[in-house]
């Protein structure tokens, strides 16, 4: 795995984790009872992006380490996903 591939894998893990973390423990303005004029009641009341980014970074790093370990160890390869048998046989020396 190249450095670029590792970086892209981490970016994908980070953003996918962010989309999972964003709605967690979300307190809306309707829940708080104070709706700012011009905003919907479902808007966040106390949105703290720094905490969400920290949680996302920790979780994404753990997921990335697991995925990178699996990829580099060779436990799962691209040939394992060839369900139709279209790939050429592996070359062995």
N, C-alpha and C. Protein backbone atom coordinates (compact mmCIF):
# COMPACT_ATOMS: atom_id res chain seq x y z
N UNK A 1 0.86 -1.17 0.00
CA UNK A 1 0.00 0.00 0.00
C UNK A 1 0.90 1.23 0.00
N UNK A 2 0.61 2.13 -0.92
CA UNK A 2 1.41 3.35 -1.01
C UNK A 2 0.94 4.36 0.04
N UNK A 3 1.73 5.39 0.22
CA UNK A 3 1.38 6.44 1.18
C UNK A 3 0.11 7.15 0.74
N UNK A 4 -0.04 7.35 -0.55
CA UNK A 4 -1.24 8.01 -1.06
C UNK A 4 -2.47 7.15 -0.79
N UNK A 5 -2.37 5.86 -1.01
CA UNK A 5 -3.50 4.96 -0.76
C UNK A 5 -3.85 4.94 0.73
N UNK A 6 -2.84 4.97 1.58
CA UNK A 6 -3.10 5.00 3.02
C UNK A 6 -3.80 6.29 3.43
N UNK A 7 -3.38 7.41 2.84
CA UNK A 7 -4.01 8.69 3.15
C UNK A 7 -5.46 8.73 2.66
N UNK A 8 -5.71 8.23 1.47
CA UNK A 8 -7.06 8.20 0.92
C UNK A 8 -7.95 7.29 1.77
N UNK A 9 -7.42 6.15 2.18
CA UNK A 9 -8.19 5.24 3.04
C UNK A 9 -8.53 5.91 4.36
N UNK A 10 -7.58 6.66 4.94
CA UNK A 10 -7.85 7.35 6.19
C UNK A 10 -8.90 8.44 5.99
N UNK A 11 -8.81 9.18 4.88
CA UNK A 11 -9.79 10.24 4.62
C UNK A 11 -11.19 9.66 4.46
N UNK A 12 -11.31 8.55 3.76
CA UNK A 12 -12.61 7.91 3.59
C UNK A 12 -13.14 7.43 4.94
N UNK A 13 -12.29 6.81 5.74
CA UNK A 13 -12.71 6.36 7.08
C UNK A 13 -13.13 7.54 7.94
N UNK A 14 -12.39 8.63 7.88
CA UNK A 14 -12.69 9.79 8.71
C UNK A 14 -14.03 10.39 8.36
N UNK A 15 -14.28 10.61 7.07
CA UNK A 15 -15.54 11.23 6.68
C UNK A 15 -16.74 10.31 6.90
N UNK A 16 -16.57 9.02 6.67
CA UNK A 16 -17.68 8.10 6.94
C UNK A 16 -17.98 8.05 8.44
N UNK A 17 -16.95 8.08 9.26
CA UNK A 17 -17.15 8.11 10.70
C UNK A 17 -17.79 9.42 11.14
N UNK A 18 -17.40 10.53 10.51
CA UNK A 18 -18.01 11.82 10.83
C UNK A 18 -19.51 11.80 10.58
N UNK A 19 -19.92 11.22 9.46
CA UNK A 19 -21.35 11.17 9.16
C UNK A 19 -22.12 10.28 10.14
N UNK A 20 -21.44 9.34 10.77
CA UNK A 20 -22.09 8.52 11.80
C UNK A 20 -22.13 9.27 13.13
N UNK A 21 -21.07 10.02 13.44
CA UNK A 21 -20.96 10.70 14.72
C UNK A 21 -21.81 11.97 14.80
N UNK A 22 -21.99 12.66 13.69
CA UNK A 22 -22.71 13.94 13.72
C UNK A 22 -24.09 13.88 14.39
N UNK A 23 -24.93 12.92 14.08
CA UNK A 23 -26.26 12.95 14.71
C UNK A 23 -26.30 12.39 16.14
N UNK A 24 -25.22 11.83 16.64
CA UNK A 24 -25.22 11.25 17.97
C UNK A 24 -25.29 12.33 19.04
N UNK A 25 -26.11 12.11 20.06
CA UNK A 25 -26.28 13.02 21.21
C UNK A 25 -26.57 14.45 20.75
N UNK A 26 -27.40 14.55 19.73
CA UNK A 26 -27.75 15.86 19.20
C UNK A 26 -28.95 16.42 19.97
N UNK A 27 -28.82 17.62 20.51
CA UNK A 27 -29.89 18.29 21.26
C UNK A 27 -30.41 19.43 20.41
N UNK A 28 -31.67 19.37 20.02
CA UNK A 28 -32.24 20.37 19.13
C UNK A 28 -32.75 21.58 19.91
N UNK A 29 -33.02 22.67 19.17
CA UNK A 29 -33.57 23.86 19.80
C UNK A 29 -34.98 23.58 20.33
N UNK A 30 -35.70 22.69 19.66
CA UNK A 30 -37.02 22.31 20.15
C UNK A 30 -36.94 21.58 21.48
N UNK A 31 -35.92 20.73 21.65
CA UNK A 31 -35.71 20.03 22.93
C UNK A 31 -35.34 21.02 24.03
N UNK A 32 -34.54 22.01 23.69
CA UNK A 32 -34.09 22.99 24.68
C UNK A 32 -35.19 23.99 25.03
N UNK A 33 -36.17 24.14 24.15
CA UNK A 33 -37.27 25.06 24.41
C UNK A 33 -37.00 26.49 23.98
N UNK A 34 -35.87 26.72 23.33
CA UNK A 34 -35.52 28.06 22.86
C UNK A 34 -35.25 27.96 21.36
N UNK A 35 -36.20 28.42 20.56
CA UNK A 35 -36.04 28.38 19.10
C UNK A 35 -35.70 29.79 18.62
N UNK A 36 -34.55 29.94 18.01
CA UNK A 36 -34.10 31.22 17.48
C UNK A 36 -34.96 31.56 16.27
N UNK A 37 -35.50 32.77 16.20
CA UNK A 37 -36.32 33.15 15.05
C UNK A 37 -35.56 32.99 13.74
N UNK A 38 -36.23 32.38 12.75
CA UNK A 38 -35.62 32.17 11.44
C UNK A 38 -34.97 30.81 11.29
N UNK A 39 -34.96 30.00 12.36
CA UNK A 39 -34.39 28.66 12.29
C UNK A 39 -35.46 27.63 12.62
N UNK A 40 -35.33 26.42 12.10
CA UNK A 40 -36.32 25.39 12.44
C UNK A 40 -36.08 24.88 13.85
N UNK A 41 -37.10 24.28 14.43
CA UNK A 41 -36.97 23.73 15.79
C UNK A 41 -36.00 22.56 15.84
N UNK A 42 -35.73 21.95 14.67
CA UNK A 42 -34.82 20.80 14.64
C UNK A 42 -33.36 21.20 14.51
N UNK A 43 -33.06 22.50 14.49
CA UNK A 43 -31.67 22.97 14.42
C UNK A 43 -30.96 22.67 15.73
N UNK A 44 -29.67 22.37 15.69
CA UNK A 44 -28.93 22.07 16.92
C UNK A 44 -28.91 23.26 17.88
N UNK A 45 -29.06 22.97 19.16
CA UNK A 45 -29.05 24.02 20.17
C UNK A 45 -27.62 24.37 20.60
N UNK A 46 -26.82 23.35 20.81
CA UNK A 46 -25.44 23.58 21.26
C UNK A 46 -24.50 22.66 20.48
N UNK A 47 -24.22 23.05 19.28
CA UNK A 47 -23.40 22.23 18.39
C UNK A 47 -21.93 22.53 18.64
N UNK A 48 -21.18 21.51 19.03
CA UNK A 48 -19.75 21.66 19.30
C UNK A 48 -18.99 20.77 18.32
N UNK A 49 -18.48 21.37 17.26
CA UNK A 49 -17.81 20.61 16.21
C UNK A 49 -16.46 20.07 16.68
N UNK A 50 -15.81 20.76 17.61
CA UNK A 50 -14.49 20.31 18.08
C UNK A 50 -14.59 18.94 18.76
N UNK A 51 -15.60 18.75 19.58
CA UNK A 51 -15.80 17.47 20.27
C UNK A 51 -16.13 16.38 19.27
N UNK A 52 -16.99 16.69 18.30
CA UNK A 52 -17.36 15.71 17.27
C UNK A 52 -16.14 15.33 16.43
N UNK A 53 -15.30 16.30 16.09
CA UNK A 53 -14.10 16.03 15.30
C UNK A 53 -13.11 15.18 16.09
N UNK A 54 -13.00 15.41 17.38
CA UNK A 54 -12.09 14.61 18.22
C UNK A 54 -12.56 13.16 18.29
N UNK A 55 -13.84 12.97 18.53
CA UNK A 55 -14.40 11.61 18.59
C UNK A 55 -14.24 10.92 17.24
N UNK A 56 -14.49 11.67 16.17
CA UNK A 56 -14.35 11.12 14.82
C UNK A 56 -12.91 10.71 14.54
N UNK A 57 -11.96 11.53 14.94
CA UNK A 57 -10.55 11.22 14.69
C UNK A 57 -10.11 9.97 15.44
N UNK A 58 -10.52 9.83 16.68
CA UNK A 58 -10.16 8.64 17.46
C UNK A 58 -10.75 7.38 16.83
N UNK A 59 -12.05 7.43 16.53
CA UNK A 59 -12.72 6.25 15.96
C UNK A 59 -12.18 5.92 14.57
N UNK A 60 -11.95 6.94 13.74
CA UNK A 60 -11.45 6.70 12.39
C UNK A 60 -10.05 6.14 12.41
N UNK A 61 -9.23 6.56 13.35
CA UNK A 61 -7.88 6.03 13.46
C UNK A 61 -7.90 4.55 13.82
N UNK A 62 -8.76 4.17 14.74
CA UNK A 62 -8.88 2.75 15.11
C UNK A 62 -9.35 1.93 13.91
N UNK A 63 -10.37 2.42 13.21
CA UNK A 63 -10.88 1.71 12.03
C UNK A 63 -9.81 1.63 10.95
N UNK A 64 -9.07 2.72 10.75
CA UNK A 64 -8.02 2.74 9.74
C UNK A 64 -6.90 1.74 10.06
N UNK A 65 -6.51 1.67 11.32
CA UNK A 65 -5.46 0.71 11.71
C UNK A 65 -5.92 -0.72 11.44
N UNK A 66 -7.17 -1.02 11.76
CA UNK A 66 -7.68 -2.36 11.51
C UNK A 66 -7.70 -2.67 10.01
N UNK A 67 -8.22 -1.74 9.20
CA UNK A 67 -8.27 -1.96 7.76
C UNK A 67 -6.88 -2.07 7.15
N UNK A 68 -5.97 -1.21 7.57
CA UNK A 68 -4.61 -1.25 7.05
C UNK A 68 -3.90 -2.55 7.41
N UNK A 69 -4.12 -3.03 8.62
CA UNK A 69 -3.53 -4.30 9.03
C UNK A 69 -4.06 -5.45 8.19
N UNK A 70 -5.36 -5.45 7.94
CA UNK A 70 -5.96 -6.52 7.13
C UNK A 70 -5.43 -6.45 5.70
N UNK A 71 -5.32 -5.27 5.14
CA UNK A 71 -4.85 -5.12 3.76
C UNK A 71 -3.38 -5.53 3.63
N UNK A 72 -2.55 -5.06 4.54
CA UNK A 72 -1.12 -5.36 4.45
C UNK A 72 -0.78 -6.80 4.79
N UNK A 73 -1.58 -7.44 5.63
CA UNK A 73 -1.29 -8.82 6.00
C UNK A 73 -1.68 -9.80 4.89
N UNK A 74 -2.57 -9.38 4.00
CA UNK A 74 -2.98 -10.25 2.91
C UNK A 74 -4.08 -11.22 3.28
N UNK A 75 -4.70 -11.04 4.43
CA UNK A 75 -5.80 -11.91 4.85
C UNK A 75 -6.94 -11.86 3.83
N UNK A 76 -7.23 -10.66 3.36
CA UNK A 76 -8.25 -10.46 2.33
C UNK A 76 -7.57 -9.80 1.15
N UNK A 77 -7.77 -10.34 -0.03
CA UNK A 77 -7.18 -9.75 -1.22
C UNK A 77 -8.29 -9.39 -2.21
N UNK A 78 -7.91 -8.77 -3.30
CA UNK A 78 -8.88 -8.39 -4.33
C UNK A 78 -9.50 -9.64 -4.95
N UNK A 79 -8.75 -10.70 -5.03
CA UNK A 79 -9.26 -11.94 -5.62
C UNK A 79 -10.39 -12.56 -4.79
N UNK A 80 -10.47 -12.24 -3.53
CA UNK A 80 -11.55 -12.75 -2.69
C UNK A 80 -12.90 -12.16 -3.08
N UNK A 81 -12.90 -11.02 -3.77
CA UNK A 81 -14.13 -10.37 -4.19
C UNK A 81 -14.51 -10.71 -5.63
N UNK A 82 -13.74 -11.55 -6.29
CA UNK A 82 -14.01 -11.94 -7.67
C UNK A 82 -15.03 -13.07 -7.68
N UNK A 83 -16.30 -12.72 -7.59
CA UNK A 83 -17.37 -13.71 -7.50
C UNK A 83 -17.66 -14.37 -8.85
N UNK A 84 -17.39 -13.68 -9.94
CA UNK A 84 -17.68 -14.21 -11.28
C UNK A 84 -16.50 -14.96 -11.88
N UNK A 85 -15.36 -14.96 -11.22
CA UNK A 85 -14.19 -15.68 -11.71
C UNK A 85 -13.57 -15.05 -12.94
N UNK A 86 -13.58 -13.74 -13.06
CA UNK A 86 -13.07 -13.06 -14.25
C UNK A 86 -11.60 -12.68 -14.15
N UNK A 87 -11.01 -12.74 -12.98
CA UNK A 87 -9.60 -12.38 -12.85
C UNK A 87 -8.73 -13.55 -13.31
N UNK A 88 -7.58 -13.20 -13.84
CA UNK A 88 -6.65 -14.22 -14.25
C UNK A 88 -6.07 -14.92 -13.02
N UNK A 89 -5.62 -16.15 -13.19
CA UNK A 89 -5.02 -16.83 -12.04
C UNK A 89 -3.79 -16.09 -11.53
N UNK A 90 -3.54 -16.24 -10.24
CA UNK A 90 -2.38 -15.56 -9.65
C UNK A 90 -1.10 -16.16 -10.19
N UNK A 91 -0.12 -15.30 -10.45
CA UNK A 91 1.18 -15.74 -10.96
C UNK A 91 2.04 -16.16 -9.78
N UNK A 92 2.54 -17.37 -9.82
CA UNK A 92 3.42 -17.85 -8.74
C UNK A 92 4.78 -18.14 -9.33
N UNK A 93 5.81 -17.76 -8.62
CA UNK A 93 7.18 -17.98 -9.09
C UNK A 93 7.85 -19.04 -8.29
